[in-house]
Protein backbone atom coordinates (compact mmCIF):
# COMPACT_ATOMS: atom_id res chain seq x y z
CA MET A 1 -32.49 39.77 16.72
CA SER A 2 -29.83 39.94 13.99
CA PRO A 3 -26.43 41.34 14.93
CA SER A 4 -25.72 44.89 13.79
CA PRO A 5 -23.67 45.03 10.62
CA THR A 6 -20.03 45.93 11.06
CA PRO A 7 -18.03 48.14 8.68
CA ARG A 8 -16.69 46.40 5.60
CA MET A 9 -13.05 45.43 5.84
CA PRO A 10 -10.63 43.65 3.50
CA ARG A 11 -11.43 39.94 3.15
CA ALA A 12 -8.13 38.75 4.62
CA GLN A 13 -8.53 41.04 7.62
CA ARG A 14 -12.12 39.91 8.17
CA ARG A 15 -11.07 36.26 7.96
CA SER A 16 -8.30 36.80 10.50
CA GLN A 17 -10.74 38.53 12.84
CA LEU A 18 -13.26 35.69 12.52
CA LEU A 19 -10.56 33.11 13.29
CA GLU A 20 -9.46 35.01 16.39
CA LEU A 21 -13.02 35.28 17.67
CA ALA A 22 -13.80 31.67 16.80
CA THR A 23 -10.77 30.54 18.81
CA ARG A 24 -12.09 32.50 21.79
CA VAL A 25 -15.61 31.05 21.50
CA PHE A 26 -14.38 27.48 21.02
CA THR A 27 -12.13 27.99 24.03
CA GLU A 28 -15.08 28.99 26.19
CA LYS A 29 -17.62 26.44 24.96
CA GLY A 30 -15.73 23.60 23.28
CA PHE A 31 -16.45 22.09 19.86
CA GLN A 32 -19.77 20.48 20.70
CA GLY A 33 -21.08 23.47 22.66
CA THR A 34 -20.35 26.02 19.94
CA SER A 35 -22.56 26.83 16.96
CA MET A 36 -21.89 28.96 13.90
CA ASP A 37 -24.57 31.32 15.27
CA ASP A 38 -22.44 31.77 18.42
CA ILE A 39 -19.39 32.70 16.37
CA ALA A 40 -21.30 35.02 14.03
CA SER A 41 -22.87 36.78 17.02
CA ALA A 42 -19.49 37.22 18.73
CA ALA A 43 -18.05 38.67 15.52
CA GLY A 44 -21.03 40.96 14.92
CA VAL A 45 -21.73 39.52 11.47
CA THR A 46 -24.54 37.54 9.93
CA LYS A 47 -24.17 33.79 9.52
CA PRO A 48 -24.06 34.07 5.70
CA VAL A 49 -21.01 36.34 6.05
CA LEU A 50 -19.35 33.71 8.26
CA TYR A 51 -20.09 31.02 5.66
CA GLN A 52 -18.42 33.15 2.99
CA HIS A 53 -15.13 32.47 4.77
CA PHE A 54 -15.67 29.01 6.26
CA SER A 55 -17.86 26.33 4.69
CA SER A 56 -18.74 24.63 8.00
CA LYS A 57 -18.08 24.62 11.73
CA GLU A 58 -15.77 21.66 11.15
CA THR A 59 -13.53 23.47 8.64
CA LEU A 60 -13.39 26.50 10.93
CA TYR A 61 -12.47 24.35 13.92
CA VAL A 62 -9.69 22.63 11.97
CA GLU A 63 -8.11 26.04 11.38
CA VAL A 64 -8.46 26.87 15.08
CA ILE A 65 -6.67 23.59 15.86
CA ASP A 66 -3.82 24.69 13.60
CA ILE A 67 -3.49 27.95 15.56
CA ILE A 68 -3.30 26.07 18.86
CA ALA A 69 -0.94 23.52 17.30
CA GLU A 70 1.62 26.17 16.32
CA ARG A 71 1.88 27.27 19.95
CA MET A 72 2.31 23.67 21.10
CA LEU A 73 4.91 22.86 18.44
CA GLY A 74 6.83 25.98 19.41
CA GLU A 75 6.99 24.73 22.99
CA VAL A 76 8.36 21.35 21.86
CA ARG A 77 11.04 23.03 19.75
CA GLU A 78 12.17 25.04 22.78
CA ILE A 79 12.72 21.95 24.97
CA GLY A 80 16.19 21.49 23.49
CA SER A 81 17.21 24.97 24.67
CA PHE A 82 15.81 24.54 28.17
CA GLU A 83 18.56 25.10 30.73
CA GLY A 84 18.46 22.22 33.20
CA ASP A 85 19.12 18.51 33.59
CA THR A 86 17.11 15.65 32.08
CA PRO A 87 14.45 15.37 34.86
CA GLN A 88 13.92 19.15 34.86
CA ARG A 89 13.60 19.16 31.07
CA VAL A 90 11.05 16.33 31.10
CA ARG A 91 9.02 17.90 33.90
CA HIS A 92 9.04 21.25 32.13
CA GLY A 93 7.67 19.62 28.98
CA LEU A 94 4.90 17.84 30.90
CA GLU A 95 3.84 21.03 32.68
CA ARG A 96 3.88 23.18 29.54
CA PHE A 97 1.75 20.71 27.56
CA TYR A 98 -0.82 20.64 30.34
CA GLN A 99 -0.82 24.42 30.71
CA LEU A 100 -1.28 24.96 26.99
CA VAL A 101 -4.13 22.51 26.46
CA SER A 102 -5.82 23.74 29.62
CA LEU A 103 -5.58 27.42 28.70
CA GLU A 104 -6.83 26.69 25.19
CA ASN A 105 -9.63 24.50 26.55
CA ALA A 106 -8.29 21.71 24.34
CA LEU A 107 -7.59 19.15 27.07
CA ARG A 108 -10.37 16.77 26.03
CA LEU A 109 -9.44 17.17 22.38
CA PHE A 110 -5.72 16.50 22.76
CA THR A 111 -6.13 13.63 25.23
CA GLY A 112 -8.61 11.71 23.07
CA HIS A 113 -11.75 12.51 25.08
CA GLU A 114 -13.51 14.98 22.79
CA SER A 115 -16.27 13.71 20.50
CA VAL A 116 -15.36 15.14 17.09
CA SER A 117 -15.69 14.26 13.44
CA GLU A 118 -13.23 12.01 11.61
CA ALA A 119 -11.72 15.00 9.78
CA VAL A 120 -11.11 16.90 13.03
CA GLN A 121 -9.64 13.82 14.71
CA LYS A 122 -7.26 13.30 11.77
CA ARG A 123 -6.01 16.86 12.16
CA VAL A 124 -5.50 16.39 15.91
CA ASP A 125 -3.59 13.15 15.23
CA ALA A 126 -1.45 14.97 12.66
CA VAL A 127 -0.61 17.64 15.24
CA LEU A 128 0.41 15.02 17.80
CA ASP A 129 2.55 13.28 15.15
CA LYS A 130 4.29 16.58 14.37
CA MET A 131 4.96 17.08 18.07
CA ALA A 132 6.46 13.60 18.26
CA ILE A 133 8.72 14.30 15.28
CA GLU A 134 9.88 17.60 16.80
CA LEU A 135 10.55 15.81 20.08
CA SER A 136 12.49 13.08 18.28
CA GLY A 137 14.86 15.79 17.04
CA VAL A 138 15.60 16.81 20.64
CA LEU A 139 16.12 13.16 21.63
CA ALA A 140 18.47 12.43 18.71
CA ALA A 141 20.45 15.58 19.51
CA SER A 142 21.07 14.47 23.09
CA ARG A 143 21.27 10.65 23.04
CA GLN A 144 22.86 7.86 21.06
CA MET A 145 19.86 6.58 19.13
CA SER A 146 18.91 6.26 15.51
CA SER A 147 16.34 8.56 13.91
CA ASP A 148 13.86 5.65 13.79
CA GLN A 149 14.37 4.95 17.50
CA ALA A 150 13.94 8.65 18.28
CA ARG A 151 10.63 8.81 16.35
CA ILE A 152 9.27 5.72 18.11
CA ILE A 153 10.24 7.05 21.53
CA GLY A 154 8.95 10.52 20.64
CA ARG A 155 5.51 9.10 19.89
CA GLY A 156 5.58 7.11 23.13
CA LEU A 157 6.53 10.18 25.15
CA ILE A 158 3.73 12.22 23.58
CA ALA A 159 1.26 9.49 24.62
CA ASP A 160 2.68 9.60 28.16
CA THR A 161 2.36 13.40 28.09
CA GLN A 162 -1.31 13.11 27.12
CA THR A 163 -1.87 10.72 30.03
CA THR A 164 -0.09 13.08 32.41
CA ALA A 165 -2.25 16.02 31.31
CA ARG A 166 -5.40 14.00 31.97
CA LEU A 167 -4.15 12.91 35.42
CA LEU A 168 -3.23 16.49 36.32
CA HIS A 169 -6.69 17.64 35.30
CA GLU A 170 -8.33 14.96 37.45
CA ALA A 171 -6.05 15.53 40.48
CA GLY A 172 -7.73 16.59 43.72
CA GLY A 173 -5.27 19.32 44.64
CA ASP A 174 -1.70 20.63 44.46
CA ALA A 175 -0.24 17.72 46.43
CA GLU A 176 -1.76 15.15 44.08
CA ARG A 177 -0.66 17.12 41.01
CA GLU A 178 2.88 17.26 42.39
CA GLU A 179 2.85 13.48 42.87
CA VAL A 180 1.63 12.96 39.30
CA LEU A 181 4.46 15.12 37.96
CA GLU A 182 7.10 13.41 40.10
CA VAL A 183 5.97 9.88 39.21
CA MET A 184 5.62 10.52 35.48
CA THR A 185 8.90 12.43 35.32
CA THR A 186 10.75 9.58 37.04
CA PHE A 187 9.09 7.01 34.79
CA MET A 188 9.99 8.86 31.60
CA VAL A 189 13.52 9.79 32.66
CA HIS A 190 14.51 6.26 33.60
CA GLY A 191 13.33 5.07 30.21
CA LEU A 192 15.46 7.72 28.50
CA THR A 193 18.60 6.87 30.46
CA GLY A 194 18.57 3.46 28.79
CA PHE A 195 20.12 5.34 25.87
CA ALA A 196 23.59 6.70 26.65
CA PRO A 197 24.15 10.46 26.33
CA ARG A 198 26.10 11.67 23.34
CA ARG A 199 29.69 12.67 24.06
CA ARG A 200 28.76 16.20 23.11
CA PRO A 201 24.97 16.57 23.51
CA ARG A 202 23.49 19.25 21.24
CA VAL A 203 20.96 20.53 23.79
CA ALA A 204 21.19 23.06 26.60
CA GLY A 205 21.64 22.01 30.22
CA THR A 206 22.89 18.51 31.00
CA VAL A 207 21.96 15.00 29.82
CA LEU A 208 21.71 12.30 32.49
CA GLY A 209 23.20 8.83 31.99
CA ALA A 210 21.99 5.53 33.47
CA ASP A 211 24.79 5.61 36.07
CA GLY A 212 23.76 9.07 37.27
CA THR A 213 26.59 10.94 35.55
CA ALA A 214 25.65 13.99 33.54
CA ARG A 215 27.19 15.33 30.36
CA PRO A 216 27.04 19.08 29.77
CA GLY A 217 25.12 19.98 26.65
CA SER A 218 25.52 22.74 24.13
CA ASP A 219 22.75 24.22 22.02
CA GLY A 220 25.25 25.61 19.58
């Protein structure tokens, strides 16, 4: 049975509504489990109406990825203003990444375990690269490293964050998740302390040095 027609609305408003509903459906069912019929039904429109705004499920999903990505990039930008020391900052970043991709049902996608098209995978990779670049800005603001070093380390830390999210998802309970966070935080922090803190770190909280001393930061 065809869905009942909904009142006409401006094109931009309709498109925004369809994107919001598509994000919800993709969240519930994932990329492979969602069809354009599912999205049209949820929106109360016919499939031809949906295709007037999005040429394929793939192009629609890419836009949904961009919506999720903005939330994730916002979290990375806020790491530099997180009040705490280096281990607390790293742990906070690990937990927030996991929480975001879990809530958005994007864990498999952002940890490389979702079967998607080449175009979708390229967009996911671009999002992860942007996250690494944002993270490199936080690193360069707090430690004595070149911009190239910060970008390399940023990409490495994003890969470690993906691994952590997958391990947290597979953990058998709270105790195992706590161990995952402790081990990965320690691993990542000790790698970072190989680069001396700046004399005046430009992040909030404190920046830990290899000898255990901490320099107070400033986000001003």
